[in-house]
């Protein structure tokens, strides 16, 4: 049989050291009584707070003055397009002047009636025909009354206008007028001298044989150049340019122009 060996003896264990004594817990200091705490100051009542000033009513605020509106600049009226049927007959034209046959009732330039004037018609015609940009220049060196037909010369440049004005002023050009009257004048030819006063409100001229306040001397000569059974054709040369002069002076000798 197998013999079990003897086990060695275990050594003695060391003694467990004693735990040191724990220090005593210090006593907590006594808390002060609540009555000894400082009192919290009381919140003031709402009535004791300062009053907030009231916001002024809008009606009490001063009104801001309105900025005045800038007036609108009136627009320059555009030249109306003129149908070719309204275009008067052109008698002559070059780079400096254009001469047209003014019809009865045409006005040479704009007036207070607001009717379309002959110069505006010519301007529009040139503008369309020549495809010109901007405004067409047209100077007016002389005029004819609305009830009168005849040749009107317009200047197409300012230089031409200045030259034509000088020619008329120096009488280097002769203006011939024809007038038809029903009654035969007392003389075949004669010179008439009157004093004419213009009434702008009535658009009329009044003739007198003597000079007076507001009158201007008017002189012309005439001669009979043709006749029919009922009418007489007079050729008239003006020596002055007064308002409605030919009609006024012929009427003054009892020969009213037709």
Protein backbone atom coordinates (compact mmCIF):
# COMPACT_ATOMS: atom_id res chain seq x y z
CA UNK A 1 0.00 0.00 0.00
CA UNK A 2 1.00 3.50 -0.76
CA UNK A 3 1.65 5.59 2.34
CA UNK A 4 0.36 9.16 2.40
CA UNK A 5 3.07 11.59 3.49
CA UNK A 6 2.54 13.72 6.51
CA UNK A 7 1.73 17.35 5.94
CA UNK A 8 3.97 19.97 7.58
CA UNK A 9 2.55 22.02 10.37
CA UNK A 10 1.34 25.47 9.48
CA UNK A 11 3.17 28.41 11.08
CA UNK A 12 1.32 30.47 13.57
CA UNK A 13 -0.36 33.57 12.15
CA UNK A 14 0.58 36.95 13.65
CA UNK A 15 -1.95 38.62 15.87
CA UNK A 16 -4.12 41.25 14.27
CA UNK A 17 -3.20 44.69 15.70
CA UNK A 18 -5.87 46.53 17.56
CA UNK A 19 -7.62 49.34 15.71
CA UNK A 20 -6.71 52.80 17.09
CA UNK A 21 -9.48 54.66 18.75
CA UNK A 22 -11.21 57.20 16.51
CA UNK A 23 -11.18 60.85 17.65
CA UNK A 24 -14.39 62.16 19.00
CA UNK A 25 -16.55 64.14 16.56
CA UNK A 26 -16.56 67.83 17.56
CA UNK A 27 -19.86 69.21 18.56
CA UNK A 28 -21.69 71.36 15.96
CA UNK A 29 -22.08 75.03 16.98
CA UNK A 30 -25.54 76.03 17.87
CA UNK A 31 -27.42 77.85 15.14
CA UNK A 32 -28.79 81.26 16.04
CA UNK A 33 -32.45 81.48 16.61
CA UNK A 34 -34.56 82.76 13.77
CA UNK A 35 -35.59 85.77 15.78
CA UNK A 36 -32.00 86.84 15.89
CA UNK A 37 -31.71 86.99 12.06
CA UNK A 38 -31.95 90.52 10.57
CA UNK A 39 -35.37 91.35 9.31
CA UNK A 40 -35.89 91.62 5.54
CA UNK A 41 -37.07 95.18 4.65
CA UNK A 42 -40.63 95.32 3.58
CA UNK A 43 -41.37 95.95 -0.10
CA UNK A 44 -43.05 99.33 -0.44
CA UNK A 45 -46.64 99.30 -1.47
CA UNK A 46 -47.52 100.23 -5.06
CA UNK A 47 -49.05 103.46 -3.92
CA UNK A 48 -45.72 104.54 -2.50
CA UNK A 49 -43.89 104.03 -5.84
CA UNK A 50 -43.39 107.18 -7.94
CA UNK A 51 -46.03 107.53 -10.63
CA UNK A 52 -44.97 106.97 -14.22
CA UNK A 53 -45.72 110.11 -16.28
CA UNK A 54 -48.50 109.63 -18.79
CA UNK A 55 -47.61 109.43 -22.48
CA UNK A 56 -49.04 112.49 -24.22
CA UNK A 57 -51.97 111.89 -26.53
CA UNK A 58 -51.10 112.02 -30.25
CA UNK A 59 -53.36 115.01 -30.73
CA UNK A 60 -51.25 116.97 -28.24
CA UNK A 61 -48.03 116.38 -30.18
CA UNK A 62 -47.08 119.15 -32.62
CA UNK A 63 -47.93 118.23 -36.22
CA UNK A 64 -45.06 117.94 -38.65
CA UNK A 65 -45.65 120.45 -41.47
CA UNK A 66 -46.22 118.84 -44.86
CA UNK A 67 -43.51 119.29 -47.44
CA UNK A 68 -44.96 121.32 -50.32
CA UNK A 69 -45.19 119.40 -53.58
CA UNK A 70 -42.82 120.43 -56.32
CA UNK A 71 -44.91 121.76 -59.21
CA UNK A 72 -44.71 119.62 -62.30
CA UNK A 73 -42.97 121.10 -65.30
CA UNK A 74 -45.46 121.44 -68.08
CA UNK A 75 -44.66 119.22 -71.01
CA UNK A 76 -43.93 120.81 -74.33
CA UNK A 77 -46.77 119.86 -76.67
CA UNK A 78 -45.66 117.58 -79.45
CA UNK A 79 -46.14 118.71 -83.02
CA UNK A 80 -49.13 116.75 -84.31
CA UNK A 81 -48.63 114.61 -87.34
CA UNK A 82 -50.02 116.35 -90.38
CA UNK A 83 -51.64 114.35 -93.18
CA UNK A 84 -50.16 115.10 -96.60
CA UNK A 85 -53.60 116.33 -97.69
CA UNK A 86 -53.23 119.28 -95.25
CA UNK A 87 -49.82 120.21 -96.61
CA UNK A 88 -49.89 123.49 -98.59
CA UNK A 89 -48.32 123.78 -102.02
CA UNK A 90 -44.54 124.29 -101.91
CA UNK A 91 -43.58 126.99 -104.43
CA UNK A 92 -39.81 126.96 -103.84
CA UNK A 93 -37.34 125.30 -101.46
CA UNK A 94 -33.57 125.11 -101.00
CA UNK A 95 -31.22 124.62 -98.03
CA UNK A 96 -32.01 128.09 -96.66
CA UNK A 97 -35.68 128.91 -97.30
CA UNK A 98 -39.02 127.33 -98.12
CA UNK A 99 -41.84 129.29 -99.84
CA UNK A 100 -45.41 127.97 -99.61
CA UNK A 101 -48.81 129.03 -100.89
CA UNK A 102 -50.74 130.12 -97.79
CA UNK A 103 -54.43 129.36 -98.06
CA UNK A 104 -57.29 131.45 -96.69
CA UNK A 105 -57.84 130.61 -92.99
CA UNK A 106 -54.25 129.34 -92.51
CA UNK A 107 -52.43 131.11 -89.68
CA UNK A 108 -48.76 131.85 -90.29
CA UNK A 109 -47.80 131.12 -86.67
CA UNK A 110 -49.54 130.01 -83.48
CA UNK A 111 -51.92 132.40 -81.74
CA UNK A 112 -54.39 132.42 -78.84
CA UNK A 113 -56.95 130.40 -80.84
CA UNK A 114 -54.81 127.29 -80.40
CA UNK A 115 -55.44 126.26 -84.02
CA UNK A 116 -52.68 124.36 -85.80
CA UNK A 117 -50.46 126.94 -87.46
CA UNK A 118 -48.82 126.79 -90.88
CA UNK A 119 -45.30 126.82 -89.43
CA UNK A 120 -46.08 123.73 -87.32
CA UNK A 121 -47.45 121.94 -90.39
CA UNK A 122 -44.27 122.76 -92.37
CA UNK A 123 -42.03 121.69 -89.46
CA UNK A 124 -43.77 118.35 -89.20
CA UNK A 125 -43.59 117.85 -92.98
CA UNK A 126 -39.81 118.43 -93.02
CA UNK A 127 -39.34 116.28 -89.91
CA UNK A 128 -41.08 113.30 -91.54
CA UNK A 129 -39.77 113.80 -95.06
CA UNK A 130 -36.10 114.21 -94.08
CA UNK A 131 -36.26 111.89 -91.03
CA UNK A 132 -34.78 114.67 -88.91
CA UNK A 133 -34.14 114.00 -85.20
CA UNK A 134 -35.39 116.55 -82.70
CA UNK A 135 -37.11 119.87 -83.43
CA UNK A 136 -37.02 121.38 -86.92
CA UNK A 137 -36.01 125.05 -87.07
CA UNK A 138 -38.28 127.41 -89.01
CA UNK A 139 -37.91 131.20 -88.78
CA UNK A 140 -40.77 133.61 -89.62
CA UNK A 141 -39.58 136.81 -91.36
CA UNK A 142 -43.05 138.11 -92.41
CA UNK A 143 -46.77 137.38 -91.99
CA UNK A 144 -50.12 137.52 -93.77
CA UNK A 145 -53.50 137.95 -92.06
CA UNK A 146 -55.61 134.83 -91.60
CA UNK A 147 -58.32 135.76 -94.18
CA UNK A 148 -55.59 136.40 -96.80
CA UNK A 149 -53.97 133.94 -99.20
CA UNK A 150 -50.52 134.38 -100.71
CA UNK A 151 -46.84 133.45 -100.66
CA UNK A 152 -45.16 132.94 -97.27
CA UNK A 153 -41.40 132.53 -97.01
CA UNK A 154 -39.98 130.63 -94.01
CA UNK A 155 -36.27 130.53 -93.11
CA UNK A 156 -34.80 127.06 -92.51
CA UNK A 157 -31.75 128.39 -90.64
CA UNK A 158 -31.15 131.24 -88.21
CA UNK A 159 -28.59 132.74 -90.60
CA UNK A 160 -31.15 132.78 -93.42
CA UNK A 161 -33.69 134.45 -91.11
CA UNK A 162 -31.24 137.22 -90.28
CA UNK A 163 -30.52 137.85 -93.96
CA UNK A 164 -34.20 137.90 -95.00
CA UNK A 165 -35.04 140.32 -92.17
CA UNK A 166 -32.32 142.64 -93.40
CA UNK A 167 -33.62 142.43 -97.01
CA UNK A 168 -37.15 143.35 -95.89
CA UNK A 169 -35.86 146.12 -93.63
CA UNK A 170 -33.80 147.69 -96.45
CA UNK A 171 -36.74 147.20 -98.87
CA UNK A 172 -34.54 145.26 -101.29
CA UNK A 173 -37.51 143.01 -102.07
CA UNK A 174 -40.84 144.17 -103.41
CA UNK A 175 -44.06 142.84 -101.91
CA UNK A 176 -47.07 142.96 -104.24
CA UNK A 177 -50.64 142.56 -102.95
CA UNK A 178 -53.78 141.95 -105.00
CA UNK A 179 -57.21 142.95 -103.73
CA UNK A 180 -60.64 142.44 -105.30
CA UNK A 181 -63.27 145.09 -104.67
CA UNK A 182 -66.87 145.36 -105.86
CA UNK A 183 -67.08 149.14 -106.28
CA UNK A 184 -64.78 150.88 -108.70
CA UNK A 185 -62.38 153.29 -106.99
CA UNK A 186 -62.76 156.95 -107.86
CA UNK A 187 -59.30 156.99 -109.46
CA UNK A 188 -57.56 154.38 -111.62
CA UNK A 189 -54.55 154.70 -109.33
CA UNK A 190 -53.88 156.69 -106.19
CA UNK A 191 -51.94 156.95 -102.95
CA UNK A 192 -53.83 156.61 -99.66
CA UNK A 193 -52.62 158.12 -96.38
CA UNK A 194 -54.48 157.41 -93.14
CA UNK A 195 -53.90 156.96 -89.44
CA UNK A 196 -54.76 153.54 -88.05
CA UNK A 197 -55.54 152.56 -84.47
CA UNK A 198 -55.54 148.88 -83.54
CA UNK A 199 -58.07 147.39 -81.11
CA UNK A 200 -56.46 144.15 -79.89
CA UNK A 201 -59.54 142.95 -77.98
CA UNK A 202 -61.75 143.17 -81.08
CA UNK A 203 -58.90 142.25 -83.45
CA UNK A 204 -59.91 145.22 -85.61
CA UNK A 205 -58.26 148.38 -86.93
CA UNK A 206 -59.95 151.79 -87.18
CA UNK A 207 -58.97 154.46 -89.71
CA UNK A 208 -58.98 158.24 -89.41
CA UNK A 209 -57.73 161.05 -91.65
CA UNK A 210 -56.01 162.83 -88.79
CA UNK A 211 -53.44 161.71 -86.27
CA UNK A 212 -54.72 160.89 -82.78
CA UNK A 213 -53.78 159.11 -79.55
CA UNK A 214 -52.63 155.54 -80.26
CA UNK A 215 -52.73 155.94 -84.04
CA UNK A 216 -49.99 155.07 -86.54
CA UNK A 217 -49.48 156.48 -90.00
CA UNK A 218 -50.39 154.06 -92.83
CA UNK A 219 -49.53 154.62 -96.48
CA UNK A 220 -50.16 152.60 -99.66
CA UNK A 221 -50.66 153.11 -103.38
CA UNK A 222 -52.92 151.14 -105.72
CA UNK A 223 -53.90 150.83 -109.36
CA UNK A 224 -56.65 148.95 -111.20
CA UNK A 225 -55.06 146.14 -113.22
CA UNK A 226 -58.17 144.16 -114.27
CA UNK A 227 -61.95 144.26 -114.13
CA UNK A 228 -65.07 142.19 -114.80
CA UNK A 229 -68.76 143.03 -114.91
CA UNK A 230 -69.01 143.15 -111.11
CA UNK A 231 -65.49 143.30 -109.67
CA UNK A 232 -62.20 145.18 -109.91
CA UNK A 233 -58.72 143.79 -109.30
CA UNK A 234 -56.30 146.20 -107.62
CA UNK A 235 -52.55 145.91 -107.31
CA UNK A 236 -51.45 147.35 -103.97
CA UNK A 237 -48.01 148.40 -102.75
CA UNK A 238 -47.61 148.92 -99.01
CA UNK A 239 -45.30 151.61 -97.70
CA UNK A 240 -45.97 150.65 -94.08
CA UNK A 241 -47.03 147.47 -92.37
CA UNK A 242 -50.04 148.14 -90.14
CA UNK A 243 -52.62 145.76 -88.73
CA UNK A 244 -55.25 144.94 -91.43
CA UNK A 245 -53.95 147.94 -93.36
CA UNK A 246 -55.15 147.20 -96.93
CA UNK A 247 -58.68 146.23 -95.90
CA UNK A 248 -58.97 149.15 -93.48
CA UNK A 249 -57.75 151.78 -95.95
CA UNK A 250 -59.83 150.51 -98.90
CA UNK A 251 -62.91 150.41 -96.66
CA UNK A 252 -62.17 154.00 -95.64
CA UNK A 253 -62.61 155.15 -99.28
CA UNK A 254 -65.78 153.06 -99.64
CA UNK A 255 -64.16 150.23 -101.53
CA UNK A 256 -64.44 147.25 -99.23
CA UNK A 257 -62.12 144.36 -100.06
CA UNK A 258 -63.78 141.02 -100.85
